[in-house]
Amino acid sequence: MRQQKLPPFVHNLVRIADESGLQLDNALRMDLQELTTFNIKARYEIVKAQFHRQANKSYTQKWLTRSTEILNLLKKAR
């Protein structure tokens, strides 16, 4: 039986992708960096307020769509 390595206990999506051996193009790397910031922005009240102003309908739709695309890419890469 193959022993599975646990994922790193971090919220840095680029680091997780790199450690998993995924090859990222620059666009995907930048998108993962942006998505990683969402975790940080959700933690701190002042940053959360700034992020809330930025996250209008079009911004949210853009990142929801892109997140779905990335998820589909990752599923294919398995």
PDB file of N, CA and C in Angstrom:
ATOM      1  N   MET A   1       0.849  -1.183   0.000  1.00  0.00           N
ATOM      2  CA  MET A   1       0.000   0.000   0.000  1.00  0.00           C
ATOM      3  C   MET A   1       0.892   1.242   0.000  1.00  0.00           C
ATOM      4  N   ARG A   2       0.589   2.166  -0.860  1.00  0.00           N
ATOM      5  CA  ARG A   2       1.350   3.402  -0.970  1.00  0.00           C
ATOM      6  C   ARG A   2       0.965   4.357   0.153  1.00  0.00           C
ATOM      7  N   GLN A   3       1.962   4.866   0.842  1.00  0.00           N
ATOM      8  CA  GLN A   3       1.702   5.822   1.914  1.00  0.00           C
ATOM      9  C   GLN A   3       1.497   7.199   1.302  1.00  0.00           C
ATOM     10  N   GLN A   4       0.422   7.853   1.699  1.00  0.00           N
ATOM     11  CA  GLN A   4       0.149   9.176   1.168  1.00  0.00           C
ATOM     12  C   GLN A   4       0.712  10.235   2.107  1.00  0.00           C
ATOM     13  N   LYS A   5       1.357  11.207   1.518  1.00  0.00           N
ATOM     14  CA  LYS A   5       1.915  12.319   2.276  1.00  0.00           C
ATOM     15  C   LYS A   5       0.813  13.338   2.529  1.00  0.00           C
ATOM     16  N   LEU A   6       0.740  13.830   3.746  1.00  0.00           N
ATOM     17  CA  LEU A   6      -0.253  14.850   4.073  1.00  0.00           C
ATOM     18  C   LEU A   6       0.128  16.172   3.415  1.00  0.00           C
ATOM     19  N   PRO A   7      -0.863  16.933   2.992  1.00  0.00           N
ATOM     20  CA  PRO A   7      -0.550  18.241   2.400  1.00  0.00           C
ATOM     21  C   PRO A   7       0.038  19.171   3.460  1.00  0.00           C
ATOM     22  N   PRO A   8       0.823  20.148   3.035  1.00  0.00           N
ATOM     23  CA  PRO A   8       1.393  21.093   4.007  1.00  0.00           C
ATOM     24  C   PRO A   8       0.285  21.887   4.694  1.00  0.00           C
ATOM     25  N   PHE A   9       0.514  22.219   5.942  1.00  0.00           N
ATOM     26  CA  PHE A   9      -0.468  22.970   6.719  1.00  0.00           C
ATOM     27  C   PHE A   9      -0.261  24.463   6.471  1.00  0.00           C
ATOM     28  N   VAL A  10      -0.561  24.871   5.250  1.00  0.00           N
ATOM     29  CA  VAL A  10      -0.432  26.272   4.841  1.00  0.00           C
ATOM     30  C   VAL A  10      -1.630  26.622   3.967  1.00  0.00           C
ATOM     31  N   HIS A  11      -1.833  27.893   3.784  1.00  0.00           N
ATOM     32  CA  HIS A  11      -2.904  28.352   2.909  1.00  0.00           C
ATOM     33  C   HIS A  11      -2.354  28.990   1.638  1.00  0.00           C
ATOM     34  N   ASN A  12      -1.084  28.767   1.371  1.00  0.00           N
ATOM     35  CA  ASN A  12      -0.447  29.321   0.185  1.00  0.00           C
ATOM     36  C   ASN A  12      -0.632  28.336  -0.969  1.00  0.00           C
ATOM     37  N   LEU A  13      -1.546  28.655  -1.860  1.00  0.00           N
ATOM     38  CA  LEU A  13      -1.897  27.736  -2.938  1.00  0.00           C
ATOM     39  C   LEU A  13      -0.749  27.499  -3.912  1.00  0.00           C
ATOM     40  N   VAL A  14       0.090  28.500  -4.132  1.00  0.00           N
ATOM     41  CA  VAL A  14       1.241  28.323  -5.022  1.00  0.00           C
ATOM     42  C   VAL A  14       2.220  27.334  -4.395  1.00  0.00           C
ATOM     43  N   ARG A  15       2.470  27.481  -3.124  1.00  0.00           N
ATOM     44  CA  ARG A  15       3.384  26.560  -2.436  1.00  0.00           C
ATOM     45  C   ARG A  15       2.845  25.131  -2.472  1.00  0.00           C
ATOM     46  N   ILE A  16       1.564  24.982  -2.227  1.00  0.00           N
ATOM     47  CA  ILE A  16       0.960  23.649  -2.265  1.00  0.00           C
ATOM     48  C   ILE A  16       1.098  23.050  -3.665  1.00  0.00           C
ATOM     49  N   ALA A  17       0.826  23.850  -4.682  1.00  0.00           N
ATOM     50  CA  ALA A  17       0.949  23.370  -6.063  1.00  0.00           C
ATOM     51  C   ALA A  17       2.394  22.994  -6.376  1.00  0.00           C
ATOM     52  N   ASP A  18       3.338  23.840  -5.972  1.00  0.00           N
ATOM     53  CA  ASP A  18       4.754  23.554  -6.219  1.00  0.00           C
ATOM     54  C   ASP A  18       5.182  22.263  -5.524  1.00  0.00           C
ATOM     55  N   GLU A  19       4.785  22.109  -4.264  1.00  0.00           N
ATOM     56  CA  GLU A  19       5.183  20.919  -3.509  1.00  0.00           C
ATOM     57  C   GLU A  19       4.524  19.648  -4.040  1.00  0.00           C
ATOM     58  N   SER A  20       3.412  19.807  -4.732  1.00  0.00           N
ATOM     59  CA  SER A  20       2.747  18.635  -5.297  1.00  0.00           C
ATOM     60  C   SER A  20       3.309  18.268  -6.665  1.00  0.00           C
ATOM     61  N   GLY A  21       4.192  19.113  -7.186  1.00  0.00           N
ATOM     62  CA  GLY A  21       4.816  18.822  -8.467  1.00  0.00           C
ATOM     63  C   GLY A  21       4.050  19.341  -9.673  1.00  0.00           C
ATOM     64  N   LEU A  22       3.019  20.128  -9.446  1.00  0.00           N
ATOM     65  CA  LEU A  22       2.262  20.688 -10.570  1.00  0.00           C
ATOM     66  C   LEU A  22       3.103  21.725 -11.301  1.00  0.00           C
ATOM     67  N   GLN A  23       3.000  21.717 -12.600  1.00  0.00           N
ATOM     68  CA  GLN A  23       3.668  22.716 -13.417  1.00  0.00           C
ATOM     69  C   GLN A  23       2.684  23.864 -13.642  1.00  0.00           C
ATOM     70  N   LEU A  24       3.033  25.040 -13.168  1.00  0.00           N
ATOM     71  CA  LEU A  24       2.142  26.199 -13.274  1.00  0.00           C
ATOM     72  C   LEU A  24       2.670  27.177 -14.307  1.00  0.00           C
ATOM     73  N   ASP A  25       1.788  27.620 -15.201  1.00  0.00           N
ATOM     74  CA  ASP A  25       2.198  28.718 -16.067  1.00  0.00           C
ATOM     75  C   ASP A  25       2.046  30.014 -15.263  1.00  0.00           C
ATOM     76  N   ASN A  26       2.561  31.104 -15.795  1.00  0.00           N
ATOM     77  CA  ASN A  26       2.556  32.366 -15.047  1.00  0.00           C
ATOM     78  C   ASN A  26       1.150  32.844 -14.702  1.00  0.00           C
ATOM     79  N   ALA A  27       0.214  32.683 -15.630  1.00  0.00           N
ATOM     80  CA  ALA A  27      -1.158  33.139 -15.381  1.00  0.00           C
ATOM     81  C   ALA A  27      -1.786  32.357 -14.233  1.00  0.00           C
ATOM     82  N   LEU A  28      -1.603  31.052 -14.240  1.00  0.00           N
ATOM     83  CA  LEU A  28      -2.166  30.230 -13.167  1.00  0.00           C
ATOM     84  C   LEU A  28      -1.486  30.540 -11.840  1.00  0.00           C
ATOM     85  N   ARG A  29      -0.184  30.724 -11.859  1.00  0.00           N
ATOM     86  CA  ARG A  29       0.559  31.074 -10.639  1.00  0.00           C
ATOM     87  C   ARG A  29       0.022  32.387 -10.051  1.00  0.00           C
ATOM     88  N   MET A  30      -0.186  33.378 -10.893  1.00  0.00           N
ATOM     89  CA  MET A  30      -0.691  34.670 -10.415  1.00  0.00           C
ATOM     90  C   MET A  30      -2.112  34.533  -9.865  1.00  0.00           C
ATOM     91  N   ASP A  31      -2.938  33.740 -10.533  1.00  0.00           N
ATOM     92  CA  ASP A  31      -4.308  33.538 -10.050  1.00  0.00           C
ATOM     93  C   ASP A  31      -4.317  32.826  -8.699  1.00  0.00           C
ATOM     94  N   LEU A  32      -3.462  31.831  -8.535  1.00  0.00           N
ATOM     95  CA  LEU A  32      -3.385  31.141  -7.244  1.00  0.00           C
ATOM     96  C   LEU A  32      -2.880  32.081  -6.151  1.00  0.00           C
ATOM     97  N   GLN A  33      -1.956  32.965  -6.496  1.00  0.00           N
ATOM     98  CA  GLN A  33      -1.486  33.955  -5.520  1.00  0.00           C
ATOM     99  C   GLN A  33      -2.634  34.866  -5.095  1.00  0.00           C
ATOM    100  N   GLU A  34      -3.435  35.296  -6.057  1.00  0.00           N
ATOM    101  CA  GLU A  34      -4.580  36.159  -5.739  1.00  0.00           C
ATOM    102  C   GLU A  34      -5.592  35.415  -4.870  1.00  0.00           C
ATOM    103  N   LEU A  35      -5.892  34.176  -5.228  1.00  0.00           N
ATOM    104  CA  LEU A  35      -6.839  33.394  -4.432  1.00  0.00           C
ATOM    105  C   LEU A  35      -6.322  33.169  -3.011  1.00  0.00           C
ATOM    106  N   THR A  36      -5.027  33.010  -2.860  1.00  0.00           N
ATOM    107  CA  THR A  36      -4.440  32.840  -1.528  1.00  0.00           C
ATOM    108  C   THR A  36      -4.705  34.055  -0.653  1.00  0.00           C
ATOM    109  N   THR A  37      -4.699  35.233  -1.252  1.00  0.00           N
ATOM    110  CA  THR A  37      -4.926  36.445  -0.452  1.00  0.00           C
ATOM    111  C   THR A  37      -6.337  36.496   0.118  1.00  0.00           C
ATOM    112  N   PHE A  38      -7.277  35.795  -0.504  1.00  0.00           N
ATOM    113  CA  PHE A  38      -8.648  35.812   0.013  1.00  0.00           C
ATOM    114  C   PHE A  38      -8.697  35.249   1.427  1.00  0.00           C
ATOM    115  N   ASN A  39      -7.889  34.255   1.713  1.00  0.00           N
ATOM    116  CA  ASN A  39      -7.846  33.679   3.055  1.00  0.00           C
ATOM    117  C   ASN A  39      -7.357  34.711   4.068  1.00  0.00           C
ATOM    118  N   ILE A  40      -6.325  35.437   3.713  1.00  0.00           N
ATOM    119  CA  ILE A  40      -5.776  36.459   4.610  1.00  0.00           C
ATOM    120  C   ILE A  40      -6.783  37.585   4.796  1.00  0.00           C
ATOM    121  N   LYS A  41      -7.404  38.003   3.709  1.00  0.00           N
ATOM    122  CA  LYS A  41      -8.348  39.111   3.772  1.00  0.00           C
ATOM    123  C   LYS A  41      -9.559  38.779   4.631  1.00  0.00           C
ATOM    124  N   ALA A  42      -9.902  37.525   4.714  1.00  0.00           N
ATOM    125  CA  ALA A  42     -11.069  37.132   5.505  1.00  0.00           C
ATOM    126  C   ALA A  42     -10.766  37.087   6.996  1.00  0.00           C
ATOM    127  N   ARG A  43      -9.512  37.139   7.383  1.00  0.00           N
ATOM    128  CA  ARG A  43      -9.134  36.990   8.788  1.00  0.00           C
ATOM    129  C   ARG A  43      -9.090  38.293   9.575  1.00  0.00           C
ATOM    130  N   TYR A  44      -8.726  39.373   8.953  1.00  0.00           N
ATOM    131  CA  TYR A  44      -8.459  40.614   9.674  1.00  0.00           C
ATOM    132  C   TYR A  44      -9.521  41.651   9.339  1.00  0.00           C
ATOM    133  N   GLU A  45     -10.128  42.206  10.373  1.00  0.00           N
ATOM    134  CA  GLU A  45     -11.294  43.078  10.203  1.00  0.00           C
ATOM    135  C   GLU A  45     -11.049  44.250   9.257  1.00  0.00           C
ATOM    136  N   ILE A  46      -9.956  44.970   9.416  1.00  0.00           N
ATOM    137  CA  ILE A  46      -9.724  46.139   8.561  1.00  0.00           C
ATOM    138  C   ILE A  46      -9.510  45.717   7.110  1.00  0.00           C
ATOM    139  N   VAL A  47      -8.799  44.627   6.923  1.00  0.00           N
ATOM    140  CA  VAL A  47      -8.563  44.124   5.572  1.00  0.00           C
ATOM    141  C   VAL A  47      -9.850  43.539   5.011  1.00  0.00           C
ATOM    142  N   LYS A  48     -10.629  42.916   5.878  1.00  0.00           N
ATOM    143  CA  LYS A  48     -11.908  42.349   5.451  1.00  0.00           C
ATOM    144  C   LYS A  48     -12.838  43.445   4.929  1.00  0.00           C
ATOM    145  N   ALA A  49     -12.849  44.586   5.596  1.00  0.00           N
ATOM    146  CA  ALA A  49     -13.697  45.702   5.155  1.00  0.00           C
ATOM    147  C   ALA A  49     -13.249  46.219   3.789  1.00  0.00           C
ATOM    148  N   GLN A  50     -11.946  46.326   3.595  1.00  0.00           N
ATOM    149  CA  GLN A  50     -11.422  46.769   2.297  1.00  0.00           C
ATOM    150  C   GLN A  50     -11.769  45.762   1.206  1.00  0.00           C
ATOM    151  N   PHE A  51     -11.619  44.499   1.523  1.00  0.00           N
ATOM    152  CA  PHE A  51     -11.920  43.443   0.561  1.00  0.00           C
ATOM    153  C   PHE A  51     -13.410  43.430   0.220  1.00  0.00           C
ATOM    154  N   HIS A  52     -14.238  43.664   1.215  1.00  0.00           N
ATOM    155  CA  HIS A  52     -15.681  43.686   1.003  1.00  0.00           C
ATOM    156  C   HIS A  52     -16.067  44.758  -0.020  1.00  0.00           C
ATOM    157  N   ARG A  53     -15.421  45.911   0.053  1.00  0.00           N
ATOM    158  CA  ARG A  53     -15.696  46.985  -0.915  1.00  0.00           C
ATOM    159  C   ARG A  53     -15.256  46.582  -2.324  1.00  0.00           C
ATOM    160  N   GLN A  54     -14.171  45.838  -2.401  1.00  0.00           N
ATOM    161  CA  GLN A  54     -13.631  45.413  -3.695  1.00  0.00           C
ATOM    162  C   GLN A  54     -14.467  44.295  -4.320  1.00  0.00           C
ATOM    163  N   ALA A  55     -15.053  43.465  -3.496  1.00  0.00           N
ATOM    164  CA  ALA A  55     -15.713  42.248  -3.975  1.00  0.00           C
ATOM    165  C   ALA A  55     -17.140  42.520  -4.447  1.00  0.00           C
ATOM    166  N   ASN A  56     -17.249  43.313  -5.491  1.00  0.00           N
ATOM    167  CA  ASN A  56     -18.564  43.564  -6.073  1.00  0.00           C
ATOM    168  C   ASN A  56     -18.997  42.348  -6.900  1.00  0.00           C
ATOM    169  N   LYS A  57     -20.135  42.443  -7.527  1.00  0.00           N
ATOM    170  CA  LYS A  57     -20.685  41.296  -8.252  1.00  0.00           C
ATOM    171  C   LYS A  57     -19.761  40.821  -9.373  1.00  0.00           C
ATOM    172  N   SER A  58     -19.224  41.736 -10.158  1.00  0.00           N
ATOM    173  CA  SER A  58     -18.377  41.312 -11.284  1.00  0.00           C
ATOM    174  C   SER A  58     -17.062  40.707 -10.797  1.00  0.00           C
ATOM    175  N   TYR A  59     -16.472  41.283  -9.754  1.00  0.00           N
ATOM    176  CA  TYR A  59     -15.232  40.743  -9.181  1.00  0.00           C
ATOM    177  C   TYR A  59     -15.474  39.333  -8.636  1.00  0.00           C
ATOM    178  N   THR A  60     -16.569  39.183  -7.920  1.00  0.00           N
ATOM    179  CA  THR A  60     -16.903  37.886  -7.338  1.00  0.00           C
ATOM    180  C   THR A  60     -17.170  36.857  -8.424  1.00  0.00           C
ATOM    181  N   GLN A  61     -17.900  37.240  -9.451  1.00  0.00           N
ATOM    182  CA  GLN A  61     -18.190  36.310 -10.548  1.00  0.00           C
ATOM    183  C   GLN A  61     -16.909  35.904 -11.268  1.00  0.00           C
ATOM    184  N   LYS A  62     -16.020  36.868 -11.485  1.00  0.00           N
ATOM    185  CA  LYS A  62     -14.743  36.577 -12.142  1.00  0.00           C
ATOM    186  C   LYS A  62     -13.980  35.504 -11.379  1.00  0.00           C
ATOM    187  N   TRP A  63     -13.866  35.658 -10.060  1.00  0.00           N
ATOM    188  CA  TRP A  63     -13.064  34.727  -9.278  1.00  0.00           C
ATOM    189  C   TRP A  63     -13.787  33.410  -9.017  1.00  0.00           C
ATOM    190  N   LEU A  64     -15.082  33.434  -8.988  1.00  0.00           N
ATOM    191  CA  LEU A  64     -15.825  32.178  -8.885  1.00  0.00           C
ATOM    192  C   LEU A  64     -15.627  31.359 -10.161  1.00  0.00           C
ATOM    193  N   THR A  65     -15.725  32.014 -11.297  1.00  0.00           N
ATOM    194  CA  THR A  65     -15.509  31.341 -12.581  1.00  0.00           C
ATOM    195  C   THR A  65     -14.082  30.819 -12.682  1.00  0.00           C
ATOM    196  N   ARG A  66     -13.116  31.660 -12.337  1.00  0.00           N
ATOM    197  CA  ARG A  66     -11.708  31.246 -12.430  1.00  0.00           C
ATOM    198  C   ARG A  66     -11.402  30.111 -11.459  1.00  0.00           C
ATOM    199  N   SER A  67     -11.967  30.159 -10.266  1.00  0.00           N
ATOM    200  CA  SER A  67     -11.760  29.086  -9.292  1.00  0.00           C
ATOM    201  C   SER A  67     -12.290  27.759  -9.819  1.00  0.00           C
ATOM    202  N   THR A  68     -13.429  27.804 -10.468  1.00  0.00           N
ATOM    203  CA  THR A  68     -14.006  26.596 -11.058  1.00  0.00           C
ATOM    204  C   THR A  68     -13.104  26.062 -12.168  1.00  0.00           C
ATOM    205  N   GLU A  69     -12.567  26.957 -12.986  1.00  0.00           N
ATOM    206  CA  GLU A  69     -11.647  26.546 -14.050  1.00  0.00           C
ATOM    207  C   GLU A  69     -10.399  25.882 -13.461  1.00  0.00           C
ATOM    208  N   ILE A  70      -9.858  26.479 -12.412  1.00  0.00           N
ATOM    209  CA  ILE A  70      -8.660  25.928 -11.767  1.00  0.00           C
ATOM    210  C   ILE A  70      -8.969  24.560 -11.166  1.00  0.00           C
ATOM    211  N   LEU A  71     -10.099  24.439 -10.515  1.00  0.00           N
ATOM    212  CA  LEU A  71     -10.494  23.151  -9.945  1.00  0.00           C
ATOM    213  C   LEU A  71     -10.574  22.084 -11.033  1.00  0.00           C
ATOM    214  N   ASN A  72     -11.154  22.421 -12.162  1.00  0.00           N
ATOM    215  CA  ASN A  72     -11.248  21.466 -13.272  1.00  0.00           C
ATOM    216  C   ASN A  72      -9.868  21.090 -13.810  1.00  0.00           C
ATOM    217  N   LEU A  73      -8.955  22.059 -13.885  1.00  0.00           N
ATOM    218  CA  LEU A  73      -7.578  21.767 -14.305  1.00  0.00           C
ATOM    219  C   LEU A  73      -6.907  20.803 -13.333  1.00  0.00           C
ATOM    220  N   LEU A  74      -7.100  21.037 -12.053  1.00  0.00           N
ATOM    221  CA  LEU A  74      -6.487  20.181 -11.038  1.00  0.00           C
ATOM    222  C   LEU A  74      -7.055  18.766 -11.082  1.00  0.00           C
ATOM    223  N   LYS A  75      -8.337  18.658 -11.328  1.00  0.00           N
ATOM    224  CA  LYS A  75      -8.948  17.327 -11.438  1.00  0.00           C
ATOM    225  C   LYS A  75      -8.368  16.558 -12.619  1.00  0.00           C
ATOM    226  N   LYS A  76      -8.119  17.255 -13.722  1.00  0.00           N
ATOM    227  CA  LYS A  76      -7.540  16.611 -14.904  1.00  0.00           C
ATOM    228  C   LYS A  76      -6.085  16.212 -14.665  1.00  0.00           C
ATOM    229  N   ALA A  77      -5.385  16.969 -13.818  1.00  0.00           N
ATOM    230  CA  ALA A  77      -3.961  16.723 -13.570  1.00  0.00           C
ATOM    231  C   ALA A  77      -3.720  15.528 -12.656  1.00  0.00           C
ATOM    232  N   ARG A  78      -4.755  15.044 -11.998  1.00  0.00           N
ATOM    233  CA  ARG A  78      -4.562  13.921 -11.065  1.00  0.00           C
ATOM    234  C   ARG A  78      -4.170  12.676 -11.773  1.00  0.00           C
TER     235      ARG A  78
END
